[in-house]
Protein backbone atom coordinates (compact mmCIF):
# COMPACT_ATOMS: atom_id res chain seq x y z
CA MET A 1 39.09 22.48 -12.13
CA PRO A 2 37.63 19.11 -13.15
CA PHE A 3 34.02 18.29 -12.36
CA SER A 4 33.61 15.55 -9.82
CA GLU A 5 30.50 13.53 -9.06
CA PRO A 6 29.13 13.93 -5.57
CA PRO A 7 29.53 10.75 -3.55
CA HIS A 8 26.54 8.44 -3.87
CA ARG A 9 24.72 7.76 -0.68
CA PRO A 10 23.66 4.13 -0.40
CA ASP A 11 20.34 5.13 1.18
CA SER A 12 19.48 7.44 -1.75
CA LEU A 13 20.28 4.67 -4.24
CA LYS A 14 18.12 2.28 -2.25
CA ARG A 15 15.32 4.87 -2.25
CA GLN A 16 15.62 5.28 -6.04
CA LEU A 17 15.40 1.52 -6.51
CA GLU A 18 12.38 1.32 -4.19
CA MET A 19 10.65 4.11 -6.13
CA ALA A 20 11.39 2.46 -9.49
CA ARG A 21 9.94 -0.80 -8.19
CA PHE A 22 6.95 1.04 -6.73
CA ASP A 23 6.31 2.75 -10.07
CA ARG A 24 6.38 -0.63 -11.85
CA ALA A 25 4.06 -2.24 -9.29
CA LEU A 26 1.75 0.77 -9.53
CA GLU A 27 1.51 0.28 -13.30
CA VAL A 28 0.53 -3.36 -12.73
CA SER A 29 -2.04 -2.38 -10.08
CA GLU A 30 -3.53 0.29 -12.35
CA SER A 31 -3.75 -2.16 -15.24
CA MET A 32 -5.50 -4.68 -13.01
CA ALA A 33 -8.00 -2.06 -11.89
CA ALA A 34 -8.60 -0.82 -15.44
CA HIS A 35 -9.27 -4.36 -16.67
CA ARG A 36 -11.35 -5.16 -13.58
CA VAL A 37 -9.05 -8.01 -12.57
CA LEU A 38 -9.90 -9.21 -9.09
CA LEU A 39 -7.24 -8.40 -6.51
CA THR A 40 -6.55 -11.83 -5.02
CA THR A 41 -3.89 -12.92 -2.57
CA ALA A 42 -1.89 -14.31 -5.50
CA GLU A 43 -1.97 -10.91 -7.22
CA LEU A 44 -1.14 -9.16 -3.94
CA ALA A 45 1.88 -11.47 -3.51
CA ARG A 46 2.95 -10.70 -7.08
CA LEU A 47 2.79 -6.96 -6.36
CA ASN A 48 4.83 -7.50 -3.20
CA ASN A 49 7.45 -9.44 -5.19
CA ILE A 50 7.70 -6.58 -7.69
CA LEU A 51 8.24 -4.18 -4.79
CA THR A 52 10.93 -6.29 -3.15
CA GLY A 53 12.63 -7.50 -6.32
CA ARG A 54 12.26 -11.09 -5.18
CA ASN A 55 10.67 -14.09 -6.77
CA THR A 56 10.00 -16.10 -3.63
CA ASP A 57 7.14 -16.75 -1.26
CA PRO A 58 6.64 -13.29 0.31
CA TRP A 59 4.31 -14.27 3.16
CA ARG A 60 5.59 -13.76 6.70
CA GLN A 61 6.09 -17.10 8.47
CA ALA A 62 7.92 -15.95 11.60
CA PRO A 63 7.67 -13.38 14.36
CA VAL A 64 9.06 -9.99 13.40
CA THR A 65 10.12 -6.89 15.29
CA ILE A 66 9.16 -3.65 13.57
CA THR A 67 10.00 -0.05 14.31
CA LEU A 68 6.89 2.11 14.64
CA PRO A 69 6.88 5.74 13.45
CA SER A 70 7.28 6.77 17.10
CA GLY A 71 10.58 4.89 17.21
CA GLU A 72 9.17 2.21 19.50
CA LEU A 73 9.83 -1.42 18.68
CA GLU A 74 6.96 -3.89 18.49
CA THR A 75 7.23 -7.63 18.06
CA LEU A 76 4.47 -9.23 16.00
CA GLN A 77 3.75 -12.89 16.56
CA VAL A 78 3.47 -15.51 13.84
CA LEU A 79 0.20 -15.34 11.92
CA ALA A 80 -1.71 -18.62 11.77
CA ASP A 81 -2.07 -18.15 8.01
CA PRO A 82 -1.01 -14.83 6.44
CA VAL A 83 -2.69 -15.73 3.13
CA VAL A 84 -6.07 -16.24 4.82
CA THR A 85 -5.56 -13.01 6.80
CA ALA A 86 -4.86 -11.08 3.58
CA ARG A 87 -7.80 -12.76 1.82
CA GLU A 88 -10.13 -11.66 4.63
CA LYS A 89 -8.89 -8.06 4.38
CA LEU A 90 -9.32 -8.02 0.59
CA HIS A 91 -12.76 -9.64 0.78
CA ALA A 92 -14.01 -7.11 3.34
CA ALA A 93 -12.68 -4.23 1.22
CA THR A 94 -14.31 -5.64 -1.91
CA GLU A 95 -17.68 -5.85 -0.14
CA LEU A 96 -17.38 -2.21 0.98
CA ALA A 97 -16.39 -1.06 -2.50
CA GLU A 98 -19.24 -2.99 -4.13
CA ALA A 99 -21.59 -1.25 -1.68
CA GLY A 100 -20.36 2.14 -2.95
CA GLN A 101 -17.95 2.89 -0.11
CA MET A 102 -14.78 2.95 -2.22
CA ILE A 103 -12.72 5.22 0.00
CA ASP A 104 -13.57 3.28 3.15
CA ALA A 105 -12.71 0.08 1.28
CA ALA A 106 -9.32 1.48 0.29
CA VAL A 107 -8.53 2.78 3.78
CA ASP A 108 -9.69 -0.45 5.45
CA ALA A 109 -7.58 -2.55 3.05
CA TYR A 110 -4.57 -0.35 3.75
CA VAL A 111 -4.99 -0.36 7.53
CA GLY A 112 -5.77 -4.07 7.70
CA LEU A 113 -2.74 -5.07 5.65
CA VAL A 114 -0.35 -2.72 7.45
CA LEU A 115 -1.46 -3.79 10.91
CA ALA A 116 -1.49 -7.51 10.06
CA HIS A 117 2.01 -7.26 8.52
CA VAL A 118 1.37 -10.32 6.32
CA PHE A 119 4.56 -9.98 4.22
CA GLU A 120 8.21 -10.32 5.14
CA ASP A 121 8.96 -6.92 3.61
CA ALA A 122 7.27 -3.95 1.91
CA ASN A 123 4.00 -4.22 3.84
CA ARG A 124 3.16 -0.50 3.74
CA ARG A 125 3.97 -0.14 0.05
CA THR A 126 1.95 -3.26 -0.78
CA ALA A 127 -0.96 -1.90 1.28
CA VAL A 128 -0.73 1.40 -0.65
CA LEU A 129 -1.02 -0.55 -3.91
CA ALA A 130 -4.06 -2.44 -2.61
CA ALA A 131 -5.72 0.81 -1.52
CA HIS A 132 -4.93 2.43 -4.86
CA TYR A 133 -6.33 -0.59 -6.69
CA PHE A 134 -9.68 -0.24 -4.90
CA LEU A 135 -9.82 3.48 -5.59
CA ARG A 136 -9.00 3.08 -9.29
CA ARG A 137 -11.20 0.04 -9.90
CA TYR A 138 -14.19 1.86 -8.44
CA GLY A 139 -13.60 5.20 -10.15
CA VAL A 140 -11.82 7.39 -7.59
CA PRO A 141 -9.07 9.24 -9.51
CA LEU A 142 -6.47 9.44 -6.74
CA SER A 143 -2.75 9.26 -7.46
CA GLY A 144 -0.92 6.19 -6.20
CA ILE A 145 2.18 8.32 -5.73
CA ALA A 146 0.18 10.75 -3.56
CA LEU A 147 -1.01 7.86 -1.41
CA HIS A 148 2.54 6.55 -1.14
CA GLU A 149 3.85 9.93 -0.04
CA LEU A 150 1.31 10.45 2.74
CA GLY A 151 3.12 11.03 6.00
CA LEU A 152 1.44 8.65 8.37
CA GLY A 153 1.79 8.20 12.06
CA ASP A 154 1.34 5.00 14.00
CA LEU A 155 -1.99 3.48 12.95
CA ARG A 156 -2.21 1.91 16.40
CA ALA A 157 -2.43 5.35 18.04
CA PRO A 158 -5.91 6.68 18.87
CA GLY A 159 -7.41 8.77 16.09
CA GLN A 160 -4.83 7.90 13.42
CA ILE A 161 -7.11 5.68 11.35
CA ASP A 162 -9.91 8.28 11.43
CA SER A 163 -7.38 10.95 10.46
CA LEU A 164 -6.18 8.82 7.55
CA ARG A 165 -9.75 8.20 6.41
CA GLU A 166 -10.50 11.94 6.53
CA THR A 167 -7.30 12.75 4.60
CA VAL A 168 -8.09 10.25 1.84
CA HIS A 169 -11.68 11.54 1.59
CA THR A 170 -10.33 15.10 1.23
CA MET A 171 -7.75 14.03 -1.36
CA ALA A 172 -10.45 12.22 -3.35
CA LYS A 173 -12.72 15.29 -3.34
CA PHE A 174 -9.85 17.46 -4.56
CA ALA A 175 -8.86 14.90 -7.24
CA ALA A 176 -12.46 14.69 -8.46
CA LYS A 177 -12.56 18.49 -8.89
CA GLN A 178 -9.31 18.36 -10.88
CA LYS A 179 -10.48 15.56 -13.18
CA PRO A 180 -11.30 16.98 -16.63
CA LYS A 181 -14.92 16.66 -17.71
CA THR A 182 -15.42 14.43 -20.75
């Protein structure tokens, strides 16, 4: 009996492509952190373009309807200036990280970018990269893949942000214990 390939599911191929793009963007983010390159809105847009496979202006310029983890639909209005919004989120996170609050900086960058939805596509994955950048740049050895794979609820729901913050703190403590002593 001849061997036959299982049928390819379009969603699994899409997932593979998304993961390959995420891995590439993660490499760029890690390199930026290692070389202490400042995460600017231009660099954030470049990471988003790597994730989406596009080479266009990624900033959201129109209202968008998104599906929340609960299955509810929410329409987000046009942002006055998504670049300024992202810059404010990155600046606030940088100030926290410089003050020694690296995990809070990463979580705040993630939450701020996800809730603002500044990009047309790949907002959560871009926010994961920003969070990972802050962790790496300021010495927290947490896996970007682990951050990406976190099962998150709706950040708008009461307690979700605090739960995320607690989870990332716990992951960072565990990662620090696993880091080999040099």
